[in-house]
Amino acid sequence: MTHEQKIRVLESCLNEEPKNYRDSFKPDLFLFFNEDFSVDNLRMDFLHHFESTSEIEQWVNFVCSQIVLKFDEEVESLGDFVGEYLEVR
């Protein structure tokens, strides 16, 4: 997959209709990327580590799940919280 294709997959995944509570955080992730789904957005560089559509979808689901389980808006910003998950572990 090209970098641009990976960005399109991420954008598509974040724009899906929410199916559950976890999915309701996808618009927050969309905003985290400044609604800029272009190759020029440096926040998209983390996608280089992924090789498939399913890996990107799994990452989105994982981060949304972590928001549900661990995010505390009184302690940190959503941007800081999501930023920790941009590095593929």
Protein backbone atom coordinates (compact mmCIF):
# COMPACT_ATOMS: atom_id res chain seq x y z
CA MET A 1 0.00 0.00 0.00
CA THR A 2 1.17 3.50 -0.72
CA HIS A 3 1.24 6.12 2.00
CA GLU A 4 -1.64 7.92 0.32
CA GLN A 5 -3.72 4.73 0.26
CA LYS A 6 -3.08 4.24 3.97
CA ILE A 7 -4.26 7.79 4.63
CA ARG A 8 -7.46 7.11 2.66
CA VAL A 9 -8.07 3.95 4.71
CA LEU A 10 -7.62 5.90 7.95
CA GLU A 11 -9.93 8.66 6.77
CA SER A 12 -12.58 6.17 5.67
CA CYS A 13 -12.38 4.29 8.95
CA LEU A 14 -12.78 7.47 10.98
CA ASN A 15 -15.78 8.54 8.90
CA GLU A 16 -17.74 5.31 9.36
CA GLU A 17 -21.10 5.43 11.12
CA PRO A 18 -20.63 4.58 14.80
CA LYS A 19 -21.80 1.08 15.65
CA ASN A 20 -21.11 1.27 19.38
CA TYR A 21 -19.92 3.57 22.14
CA ARG A 22 -16.26 3.01 21.27
CA ASP A 23 -16.90 4.15 17.69
CA SER A 24 -18.37 7.42 18.96
CA PHE A 25 -14.79 8.61 19.55
CA LYS A 26 -13.80 8.32 15.89
CA PRO A 27 -14.84 11.94 15.19
CA ASP A 28 -12.47 13.00 17.98
CA LEU A 29 -9.64 11.16 16.25
CA PHE A 30 -10.66 12.78 12.98
CA LEU A 31 -10.27 16.20 14.60
CA PHE A 32 -6.93 15.15 16.11
CA PHE A 33 -5.57 14.98 12.57
CA ASN A 34 -6.82 18.53 11.99
CA GLU A 35 -9.17 17.21 9.32
CA ASP A 36 -6.08 17.15 7.09
CA PHE A 37 -5.81 13.77 5.43
CA SER A 38 -3.00 14.63 3.06
CA VAL A 39 0.52 13.30 2.69
CA ASP A 40 1.75 16.73 3.85
CA ASN A 41 0.31 16.23 7.36
CA LEU A 42 3.23 15.01 9.47
CA ARG A 43 0.80 13.35 11.88
CA MET A 44 0.18 10.78 9.15
CA ASP A 45 3.77 9.54 9.24
CA PHE A 46 2.87 6.87 11.82
CA LEU A 47 1.01 5.05 9.02
CA HIS A 48 4.32 4.03 7.42
CA HIS A 49 4.53 1.20 9.97
CA PHE A 50 1.30 -0.41 8.80
CA GLU A 51 1.11 -2.81 5.90
CA SER A 52 -2.60 -3.52 5.55
CA THR A 53 -6.06 -2.08 5.85
CA SER A 54 -6.84 -4.36 8.77
CA GLU A 55 -3.80 -3.14 10.73
CA ILE A 56 -4.98 0.46 10.37
CA GLU A 57 -8.55 -0.45 11.36
CA GLN A 58 -7.23 -2.37 14.37
CA TRP A 59 -5.18 0.64 15.43
CA VAL A 60 -8.23 2.92 15.24
CA ASN A 61 -10.31 0.46 17.25
CA PHE A 62 -7.53 0.06 19.81
CA VAL A 63 -7.09 3.81 20.33
CA CYS A 64 -10.85 4.36 20.61
CA SER A 65 -11.01 1.55 23.17
CA GLN A 66 -8.18 3.13 25.13
CA ILE A 67 -10.04 6.45 25.14
CA VAL A 68 -13.06 4.70 26.63
CA LEU A 69 -10.97 2.88 29.25
CA LYS A 70 -8.23 5.30 30.20
CA PHE A 71 -8.76 8.87 29.01
CA ASP A 72 -9.24 11.40 31.81
CA GLU A 73 -9.94 14.87 30.45
CA GLU A 74 -9.13 16.40 33.84
CA VAL A 75 -5.55 15.13 33.65
CA GLU A 76 -4.60 15.45 29.96
CA SER A 77 -5.81 16.65 26.60
CA LEU A 78 -7.15 14.24 24.01
CA GLY A 79 -4.33 15.33 21.70
CA ASP A 80 -1.68 14.32 24.22
CA PHE A 81 -3.47 11.04 24.91
CA VAL A 82 -3.77 10.09 21.24
CA GLY A 83 -0.23 11.25 20.53
CA GLU A 84 1.07 8.48 22.76
CA TYR A 85 -0.52 5.91 20.43
CA LEU A 86 0.97 7.29 17.22
CA GLU A 87 4.08 5.23 17.78
CA VAL A 88 3.47 1.67 16.73
CA ARG A 89 4.57 -0.65 19.51
